[in-house]
Protein backbone atom coordinates (compact mmCIF):
# COMPACT_ATOMS: atom_id res chain seq x y z
CA ARG A 1 -10.79 11.61 -41.65
CA GLN A 2 -12.29 8.49 -40.05
CA ARG A 3 -9.28 8.16 -37.74
CA GLN A 4 -9.67 11.78 -36.69
CA MET A 5 -13.31 11.13 -35.75
CA CYS A 6 -12.32 8.04 -33.79
CA ILE A 7 -9.73 9.97 -31.76
CA ARG A 8 -12.25 12.75 -31.06
CA ASP A 9 -14.83 10.18 -29.87
CA ARG A 10 -12.28 8.61 -27.53
CA VAL A 11 -11.43 12.00 -26.02
CA ASN A 12 -15.13 12.74 -25.53
CA LEU A 13 -15.67 9.35 -23.87
CA SER A 14 -12.82 9.90 -21.42
CA SER A 15 -14.35 13.29 -20.61
CA TYR A 16 -17.55 11.49 -19.62
CA MET A 17 -15.71 9.44 -17.00
CA ALA A 18 -13.82 12.46 -15.73
CA ALA A 19 -17.08 14.37 -15.37
CA ALA A 20 -18.74 11.41 -13.63
CA GLY A 21 -15.85 11.29 -11.15
CA TYR A 22 -16.10 15.02 -10.53
CA TYR A 23 -19.85 14.77 -9.90
CA LEU A 24 -19.28 11.86 -7.50
CA GLU A 25 -16.56 13.67 -5.56
CA THR A 26 -18.49 16.93 -5.29
CA GLY A 27 -21.89 15.41 -4.52
CA LYS A 28 -23.55 16.71 -7.65
CA ASP A 29 -26.23 14.94 -9.73
CA LEU A 30 -25.40 11.23 -9.38
CA ASN A 31 -28.00 10.25 -11.98
CA GLN A 32 -26.06 12.29 -14.53
CA ALA A 33 -22.78 10.83 -13.27
CA LEU A 34 -24.22 7.33 -13.70
CA SER A 35 -25.27 8.09 -17.27
CA TRP A 36 -21.82 9.38 -18.19
CA ALA A 37 -20.02 6.48 -16.49
CA GLN A 38 -22.23 3.91 -18.21
CA ARG A 39 -21.64 5.53 -21.59
CA PHE A 40 -17.87 5.41 -21.03
CA LEU A 41 -17.88 1.84 -19.70
CA ALA A 42 -20.03 0.54 -22.56
CA VAL A 43 -16.73 0.25 -24.46
CA GLU A 44 -15.24 -3.03 -23.21
CA SER A 45 -11.63 -1.80 -23.31
CA ASN A 46 -12.59 1.00 -20.89
CA ARG A 47 -13.78 -1.48 -18.23
CA ARG A 48 -10.70 -1.10 -16.04
CA TYR A 49 -10.91 -1.77 -12.32
CA TYR A 50 -10.37 1.84 -11.25
CA TYR A 51 -13.22 3.06 -13.46
CA LEU A 52 -15.46 0.23 -12.29
CA ASN A 53 -14.70 1.20 -8.70
CA ARG A 54 -15.91 4.71 -9.43
CA LEU A 55 -19.08 3.37 -11.09
CA ALA A 56 -19.79 1.18 -8.04
CA LYS A 57 -19.56 4.23 -5.77
CA ILE A 58 -21.99 6.13 -7.99
CA GLN A 59 -24.37 3.17 -7.95
CA ALA A 60 -24.13 2.90 -4.18
CA GLY A 61 -24.79 6.62 -3.83
CA LEU A 62 -28.00 6.12 -5.81
CA GLY A 63 -29.11 3.20 -3.62
CA MET A 64 -28.38 0.63 -6.34
CA LYS A 65 -26.90 -1.88 -3.88
CA LYS A 66 -27.12 -5.03 -6.05
CA GLU A 67 -25.56 -3.27 -9.03
CA ALA A 68 -22.84 -1.74 -6.86
CA ILE A 69 -21.95 -5.17 -5.44
CA LYS A 70 -21.78 -6.70 -8.91
CA THR A 71 -19.62 -3.83 -10.21
CA THR A 72 -17.34 -4.02 -7.16
CA GLU A 73 -16.91 -7.77 -7.73
CA GLU A 74 -15.81 -7.09 -11.33
CA SER A 75 -13.46 -4.33 -10.16
CA LEU A 76 -12.01 -6.61 -7.46
CA GLU A 77 -11.42 -9.43 -9.94
CA LYS A 78 -9.66 -7.09 -12.36
CA SER A 79 -7.60 -5.40 -9.64
CA LYS A 80 -6.41 -8.83 -8.46
CA ALA A 81 -5.45 -9.74 -12.03
CA ALA A 82 -3.49 -6.48 -12.24
CA GLY A 83 -1.87 -7.03 -8.84
CA ASP A 84 -2.94 -3.60 -7.58
CA ASN A 85 -3.01 -4.12 -3.80
CA ALA A 86 -4.39 -0.66 -3.05
CA TYR A 87 -7.45 -1.27 -5.21
CA ILE A 88 -7.81 -4.83 -3.94
CA LYS A 89 -8.02 -3.49 -0.36
CA SER A 90 -10.28 -0.62 -1.42
CA ASN A 91 -12.67 -2.96 -3.25
CA GLU A 92 -12.74 -5.46 -0.37
CA ALA A 93 -13.49 -2.70 2.15
CA PHE A 94 -16.19 -1.22 -0.07
CA MET A 95 -17.74 -4.66 -0.56
CA LYS A 96 -17.92 -5.13 3.25
CA GLU A 97 -19.54 -1.74 3.58
CA LEU A 98 -22.11 -2.54 0.86
CA LYS A 99 -23.03 -5.87 2.42
CA LYS A 100 -23.62 -4.24 5.84
CA LYS A 101 -26.27 -1.90 4.45
């Protein structure tokens, strides 16, 4: 019974990140997207670079420049550790864009 609850919670958490991504991509309520993303990323094992990248874009969209830079730095570090060149380039380009603003 406890395991069943744990699995259901995990599914719900992943739905939060999916919804946050959808809201980001469609220009919907970014405050709501931020809330969902933060809830999902509060679990340390969920803090993967591709999710952090999405969070940084939500933060930037809300004018949270300092937070977006910090999140992008974490995403960049983790994408380098994973050897994911596409995300490394994406994070570096996004960081440049953030620092211009």
